[in-house]
């Protein structure tokens, strides 16, 4: 019984680590996209893209926190 609990616990920790790793990669991609959008011409489209990237960034941060 103890062995099964340890096995399930180790599997859950591995899955949780993979989820955190995936969220980190997605967050990095969003930050790079926002940086790219800011480096372009400052028109309405790039401002909207930057704002949407910031919103996605904070949504992922909130989801990863809780």
PDB file of N, CA and C in Angstrom:
ATOM      1  N   UNK A   1       0.825  -1.193   0.000  1.00  0.00           N
ATOM      2  CA  UNK A   1       0.000   0.000   0.000  1.00  0.00           C
ATOM      3  C   UNK A   1       0.873   1.263   0.000  1.00  0.00           C
ATOM      4  N   UNK A   2       1.903   1.242   0.847  1.00  0.00           N
ATOM      5  CA  UNK A   2       2.809   2.384   0.930  1.00  0.00           C
ATOM      6  C   UNK A   2       3.506   2.615  -0.397  1.00  0.00           C
ATOM      7  N   UNK A   3       3.904   1.531  -1.075  1.00  0.00           N
ATOM      8  CA  UNK A   3       4.594   1.622  -2.361  1.00  0.00           C
ATOM      9  C   UNK A   3       3.686   2.262  -3.420  1.00  0.00           C
ATOM     10  N   UNK A   4       2.433   1.893  -3.433  1.00  0.00           N
ATOM     11  CA  UNK A   4       1.484   2.448  -4.402  1.00  0.00           C
ATOM     12  C   UNK A   4       1.298   3.947  -4.147  1.00  0.00           C
ATOM     13  N   UNK A   5       1.204   4.329  -2.869  1.00  0.00           N
ATOM     14  CA  UNK A   5       1.063   5.748  -2.528  1.00  0.00           C
ATOM     15  C   UNK A   5       2.285   6.530  -3.001  1.00  0.00           C
ATOM     16  N   UNK A   6       3.491   5.993  -2.776  1.00  0.00           N
ATOM     17  CA  UNK A   6       4.717   6.674  -3.202  1.00  0.00           C
ATOM     18  C   UNK A   6       4.787   6.765  -4.723  1.00  0.00           C
ATOM     19  N   UNK A   7       4.363   5.723  -5.420  1.00  0.00           N
ATOM     20  CA  UNK A   7       4.377   5.711  -6.880  1.00  0.00           C
ATOM     21  C   UNK A   7       3.420   6.758  -7.441  1.00  0.00           C
ATOM     22  N   UNK A   8       2.221   6.822  -6.900  1.00  0.00           N
ATOM     23  CA  UNK A   8       1.235   7.813  -7.344  1.00  0.00           C
ATOM     24  C   UNK A   8       1.713   9.221  -7.006  1.00  0.00           C
ATOM     25  N   UNK A   9       2.307   9.394  -5.837  1.00  0.00           N
ATOM     26  CA  UNK A   9       2.819  10.698  -5.431  1.00  0.00           C
ATOM     27  C   UNK A   9       3.947  11.167  -6.355  1.00  0.00           C
ATOM     28  N   UNK A  10       4.841  10.268  -6.714  1.00  0.00           N
ATOM     29  CA  UNK A  10       5.940  10.619  -7.627  1.00  0.00           C
ATOM     30  C   UNK A  10       5.394  10.961  -9.017  1.00  0.00           C
ATOM     31  N   UNK A  11       4.400  10.222  -9.485  1.00  0.00           N
ATOM     32  CA  UNK A  11       3.799  10.506 -10.787  1.00  0.00           C
ATOM     33  C   UNK A  11       3.124  11.872 -10.782  1.00  0.00           C
ATOM     34  N   UNK A  12       2.404  12.181  -9.702  1.00  0.00           N
ATOM     35  CA  UNK A  12       1.730  13.485  -9.600  1.00  0.00           C
ATOM     36  C   UNK A  12       2.747  14.620  -9.581  1.00  0.00           C
ATOM     37  N   UNK A  13       3.855  14.430  -8.887  1.00  0.00           N
ATOM     38  CA  UNK A  13       4.896  15.465  -8.857  1.00  0.00           C
ATOM     39  C   UNK A  13       5.499  15.666 -10.239  1.00  0.00           C
ATOM     40  N   UNK A  14       5.674  14.584 -10.981  1.00  0.00           N
ATOM     41  CA  UNK A  14       6.218  14.679 -12.329  1.00  0.00           C
ATOM     42  C   UNK A  14       5.261  15.432 -13.255  1.00  0.00           C
ATOM     43  N   UNK A  15       3.983  15.126 -13.157  1.00  0.00           N
ATOM     44  CA  UNK A  15       2.980  15.806 -13.985  1.00  0.00           C
ATOM     45  C   UNK A  15       2.918  17.281 -13.625  1.00  0.00           C
ATOM     46  N   UNK A  16       2.960  17.588 -12.321  1.00  0.00           N
ATOM     47  CA  UNK A  16       2.922  18.991 -11.885  1.00  0.00           C
ATOM     48  C   UNK A  16       4.138  19.747 -12.408  1.00  0.00           C
ATOM     49  N   UNK A  17       5.315  19.119 -12.388  1.00  0.00           N
ATOM     50  CA  UNK A  17       6.522  19.758 -12.910  1.00  0.00           C
ATOM     51  C   UNK A  17       6.387  20.020 -14.402  1.00  0.00           C
ATOM     52  N   UNK A  18       5.837  19.055 -15.149  1.00  0.00           N
ATOM     53  CA  UNK A  18       5.659  19.240 -16.598  1.00  0.00           C
ATOM     54  C   UNK A  18       4.681  20.370 -16.888  1.00  0.00           C
ATOM     55  N   UNK A  19       3.643  20.488 -16.102  1.00  0.00           N
ATOM     56  CA  UNK A  19       2.680  21.572 -16.300  1.00  0.00           C
ATOM     57  C   UNK A  19       3.356  22.917 -16.056  1.00  0.00           C
ATOM     58  N   UNK A  20       4.131  23.026 -14.957  1.00  0.00           N
ATOM     59  CA  UNK A  20       4.851  24.269 -14.672  1.00  0.00           C
ATOM     60  C   UNK A  20       5.838  24.590 -15.782  1.00  0.00           C
ATOM     61  N   UNK A  21       6.518  23.555 -16.288  1.00  0.00           N
ATOM     62  CA  UNK A  21       7.487  23.757 -17.364  1.00  0.00           C
ATOM     63  C   UNK A  21       6.781  24.262 -18.628  1.00  0.00           C
ATOM     64  N   UNK A  22       5.650  23.680 -18.958  1.00  0.00           N
ATOM     65  CA  UNK A  22       4.895  24.096 -20.138  1.00  0.00           C
ATOM     66  C   UNK A  22       4.392  25.529 -19.988  1.00  0.00           C
ATOM     67  N   UNK A  23       3.869  25.865 -18.821  1.00  0.00           N
ATOM     68  CA  UNK A  23       3.403  27.232 -18.587  1.00  0.00           C
ATOM     69  C   UNK A  23       4.557  28.225 -18.696  1.00  0.00           C
ATOM     70  N   UNK A  24       5.723  27.835 -18.243  1.00  0.00           N
ATOM     71  CA  UNK A  24       6.890  28.703 -18.351  1.00  0.00           C
ATOM     72  C   UNK A  24       7.276  28.968 -19.793  1.00  0.00           C
ATOM     73  N   UNK A  25       7.223  27.938 -20.631  1.00  0.00           N
ATOM     74  CA  UNK A  25       7.556  28.104 -22.048  1.00  0.00           C
ATOM     75  C   UNK A  25       6.512  28.979 -22.736  1.00  0.00           C
ATOM     76  N   UNK A  26       5.236  28.752 -22.421  1.00  0.00           N
ATOM     77  CA  UNK A  26       4.173  29.574 -23.009  1.00  0.00           C
ATOM     78  C   UNK A  26       4.327  31.027 -22.578  1.00  0.00           C
ATOM     79  N   UNK A  27       4.632  31.242 -21.302  1.00  0.00           N
ATOM     80  CA  UNK A  27       4.820  32.594 -20.779  1.00  0.00           C
ATOM     81  C   UNK A  27       6.003  33.278 -21.459  1.00  0.00           C
ATOM     82  N   UNK A  28       7.087  32.542 -21.666  1.00  0.00           N
ATOM     83  CA  UNK A  28       8.243  33.102 -22.364  1.00  0.00           C
ATOM     84  C   UNK A  28       7.873  33.491 -23.790  1.00  0.00           C
ATOM     85  N   UNK A  29       7.101  32.642 -24.478  1.00  0.00           N
ATOM     86  CA  UNK A  29       6.660  32.957 -25.833  1.00  0.00           C
ATOM     87  C   UNK A  29       5.801  34.211 -25.881  1.00  0.00           C
ATOM     88  N   UNK A  30       4.929  34.357 -24.905  1.00  0.00           N
ATOM     89  CA  UNK A  30       4.070  35.545 -24.858  1.00  0.00           C
ATOM     90  C   UNK A  30       4.908  36.797 -24.620  1.00  0.00           C
ATOM     91  N   UNK A  31       5.887  36.697 -23.716  1.00  0.00           N
ATOM     92  CA  UNK A  31       6.749  37.852 -23.464  1.00  0.00           C
ATOM     93  C   UNK A  31       7.556  38.227 -24.696  1.00  0.00           C
ATOM     94  N   UNK A  32       8.056  37.243 -25.430  1.00  0.00           N
ATOM     95  CA  UNK A  32       8.803  37.533 -26.651  1.00  0.00           C
ATOM     96  C   UNK A  32       7.905  38.159 -27.708  1.00  0.00           C
ATOM     97  N   UNK A  33       6.673  37.670 -27.801  1.00  0.00           N
ATOM     98  CA  UNK A  33       5.719  38.247 -28.755  1.00  0.00           C
ATOM     99  C   UNK A  33       5.399  39.696 -28.381  1.00  0.00           C
ATOM    100  N   UNK A  34       5.238  39.972 -27.101  1.00  0.00           N
ATOM    101  CA  UNK A  34       4.966  41.339 -26.663  1.00  0.00           C
ATOM    102  C   UNK A  34       6.165  42.248 -26.949  1.00  0.00           C
ATOM    103  N   UNK A  35       7.372  41.743 -26.726  1.00  0.00           N
ATOM    104  CA  UNK A  35       8.570  42.531 -27.015  1.00  0.00           C
ATOM    105  C   UNK A  35       8.667  42.831 -28.508  1.00  0.00           C
ATOM    106  N   UNK A  36       8.361  41.826 -29.327  1.00  0.00           N
ATOM    107  CA  UNK A  36       8.397  42.014 -30.777  1.00  0.00           C
ATOM    108  C   UNK A  36       7.358  43.054 -31.202  1.00  0.00           C
ATOM    109  N   UNK A  37       6.163  42.985 -30.601  1.00  0.00           N
ATOM    110  CA  UNK A  37       5.103  43.927 -30.965  1.00  0.00           C
ATOM    111  C   UNK A  37       5.479  45.355 -30.549  1.00  0.00           C
ATOM    112  N   UNK A  38       6.152  45.496 -29.426  1.00  0.00           N
ATOM    113  CA  UNK A  38       6.549  46.835 -28.980  1.00  0.00           C
ATOM    114  C   UNK A  38       7.672  47.396 -29.839  1.00  0.00           C
ATOM    115  N   UNK A  39       8.518  46.532 -30.369  1.00  0.00           N
ATOM    116  CA  UNK A  39       9.641  47.022 -31.156  1.00  0.00           C
ATOM    117  C   UNK A  39       9.224  47.464 -32.564  1.00  0.00           C
ATOM    118  N   UNK A  40       8.037  47.058 -32.967  1.00  0.00           N
ATOM    119  CA  UNK A  40       7.530  47.488 -34.271  1.00  0.00           C
ATOM    120  C   UNK A  40       6.994  48.917 -34.181  1.00  0.00           C
ATOM    121  N   UNK A  41       6.457  49.389 -35.279  1.00  0.00           N
ATOM    122  CA  UNK A  41       5.873  50.740 -35.286  1.00  0.00           C
ATOM    123  C   UNK A  41       4.770  50.847 -34.242  1.00  0.00           C
ATOM    124  N   UNK A  42       4.711  51.979 -33.573  1.00  0.00           N
ATOM    125  CA  UNK A  42       3.716  52.185 -32.522  1.00  0.00           C
ATOM    126  C   UNK A  42       2.387  52.648 -33.142  1.00  0.00           C
ATOM    127  N   UNK A  43       1.694  51.744 -33.761  1.00  0.00           N
ATOM    128  CA  UNK A  43       0.363  52.057 -34.258  1.00  0.00           C
ATOM    129  C   UNK A  43      -0.671  51.285 -33.438  1.00  0.00           C
ATOM    130  N   UNK A  44      -1.912  51.426 -33.777  1.00  0.00           N
ATOM    131  CA  UNK A  44      -2.983  50.824 -32.987  1.00  0.00           C
ATOM    132  C   UNK A  44      -2.909  49.298 -32.977  1.00  0.00           C
ATOM    133  N   UNK A  45      -2.521  48.688 -34.089  1.00  0.00           N
ATOM    134  CA  UNK A  45      -2.488  47.228 -34.135  1.00  0.00           C
ATOM    135  C   UNK A  45      -1.433  46.667 -33.188  1.00  0.00           C
ATOM    136  N   UNK A  46      -0.266  47.254 -33.167  1.00  0.00           N
ATOM    137  CA  UNK A  46       0.777  46.741 -32.281  1.00  0.00           C
ATOM    138  C   UNK A  46       0.455  47.030 -30.823  1.00  0.00           C
ATOM    139  N   UNK A  47      -0.202  48.149 -30.556  1.00  0.00           N
ATOM    140  CA  UNK A  47      -0.616  48.428 -29.182  1.00  0.00           C
ATOM    141  C   UNK A  47      -1.642  47.400 -28.722  1.00  0.00           C
ATOM    142  N   UNK A  48      -2.574  47.055 -29.581  1.00  0.00           N
ATOM    143  CA  UNK A  48      -3.579  46.053 -29.234  1.00  0.00           C
ATOM    144  C   UNK A  48      -2.927  44.679 -29.035  1.00  0.00           C
ATOM    145  N   UNK A  49      -1.959  44.346 -29.883  1.00  0.00           N
ATOM    146  CA  UNK A  49      -1.264  43.061 -29.738  1.00  0.00           C
ATOM    147  C   UNK A  49      -0.485  43.022 -28.430  1.00  0.00           C
ATOM    148  N   UNK A  50       0.154  44.118 -28.092  1.00  0.00           N
ATOM    149  CA  UNK A  50       0.919  44.181 -26.843  1.00  0.00           C
ATOM    150  C   UNK A  50       0.001  44.033 -25.642  1.00  0.00           C
ATOM    151  N   UNK A  51      -1.138  44.713 -25.670  1.00  0.00           N
ATOM    152  CA  UNK A  51      -2.080  44.618 -24.559  1.00  0.00           C
ATOM    153  C   UNK A  51      -2.640  43.213 -24.420  1.00  0.00           C
ATOM    154  N   UNK A  52      -2.948  42.558 -25.539  1.00  0.00           N
ATOM    155  CA  UNK A  52      -3.476  41.198 -25.452  1.00  0.00           C
ATOM    156  C   UNK A  52      -2.414  40.232 -24.930  1.00  0.00           C
ATOM    157  N   UNK A  53      -1.154  40.448 -25.285  1.00  0.00           N
ATOM    158  CA  UNK A  53      -0.076  39.606 -24.766  1.00  0.00           C
ATOM    159  C   UNK A  53       0.089  39.805 -23.266  1.00  0.00           C
ATOM    160  N   UNK A  54      -0.048  41.048 -22.809  1.00  0.00           N
ATOM    161  CA  UNK A  54       0.055  41.308 -21.375  1.00  0.00           C
ATOM    162  C   UNK A  54      -1.094  40.649 -20.626  1.00  0.00           C
ATOM    163  N   UNK A  55      -2.280  40.684 -21.193  1.00  0.00           N
ATOM    164  CA  UNK A  55      -3.429  40.043 -20.560  1.00  0.00           C
ATOM    165  C   UNK A  55      -3.207  38.543 -20.460  1.00  0.00           C
ATOM    166  N   UNK A  56      -2.730  37.910 -21.542  1.00  0.00           N
ATOM    167  CA  UNK A  56      -2.448  36.474 -21.507  1.00  0.00           C
ATOM    168  C   UNK A  56      -1.366  36.154 -20.482  1.00  0.00           C
ATOM    169  N   UNK A  57      -0.355  37.007 -20.394  1.00  0.00           N
ATOM    170  CA  UNK A  57       0.722  36.802 -19.428  1.00  0.00           C
ATOM    171  C   UNK A  57       0.167  36.778 -18.003  1.00  0.00           C
ATOM    172  N   UNK A  58      -0.673  37.741 -17.656  1.00  0.00           N
ATOM    173  CA  UNK A  58      -1.216  37.796 -16.308  1.00  0.00           C
ATOM    174  C   UNK A  58      -2.216  36.668 -16.054  1.00  0.00           C
ATOM    175  N   UNK A  59      -2.955  36.262 -17.078  1.00  0.00           N
ATOM    176  CA  UNK A  59      -3.866  35.129 -16.903  1.00  0.00           C
ATOM    177  C   UNK A  59      -3.084  33.861 -16.586  1.00  0.00           C
ATOM    178  N   UNK A  60      -1.980  33.621 -17.291  1.00  0.00           N
ATOM    179  CA  UNK A  60      -1.153  32.454 -17.001  1.00  0.00           C
ATOM    180  C   UNK A  60      -0.521  32.551 -15.622  1.00  0.00           C
ATOM    181  N   UNK A  61      -0.097  33.743 -15.240  1.00  0.00           N
ATOM    182  CA  UNK A  61       0.519  33.915 -13.931  1.00  0.00           C
ATOM    183  C   UNK A  61      -0.484  33.610 -12.826  1.00  0.00           C
ATOM    184  N   UNK A  62      -1.715  34.093 -12.980  1.00  0.00           N
ATOM    185  CA  UNK A  62      -2.753  33.837 -11.982  1.00  0.00           C
ATOM    186  C   UNK A  62      -3.084  32.351 -11.938  1.00  0.00           C
ATOM    187  N   UNK A  63      -3.180  31.721 -13.095  1.00  0.00           N
ATOM    188  CA  UNK A  63      -3.507  30.297 -13.147  1.00  0.00           C
ATOM    189  C   UNK A  63      -2.398  29.465 -12.501  1.00  0.00           C
ATOM    190  N   UNK A  64      -1.153  29.831 -12.722  1.00  0.00           N
ATOM    191  CA  UNK A  64      -0.044  29.074 -12.145  1.00  0.00           C
ATOM    192  C   UNK A  64       0.075  29.310 -10.643  1.00  0.00           C
ATOM    193  N   UNK A  65      -0.381  30.472 -10.170  1.00  0.00           N
ATOM    194  CA  UNK A  65      -0.279  30.786  -8.749  1.00  0.00           C
ATOM    195  C   UNK A  65      -1.273  29.976  -7.925  1.00  0.00           C
ATOM    196  N   UNK A  66      -2.463  29.783  -8.460  1.00  0.00           N
ATOM    197  CA  UNK A  66      -3.497  29.084  -7.692  1.00  0.00           C
ATOM    198  C   UNK A  66      -3.612  27.701  -8.128  1.00  0.00           C
TER     199      UNK A  66
END
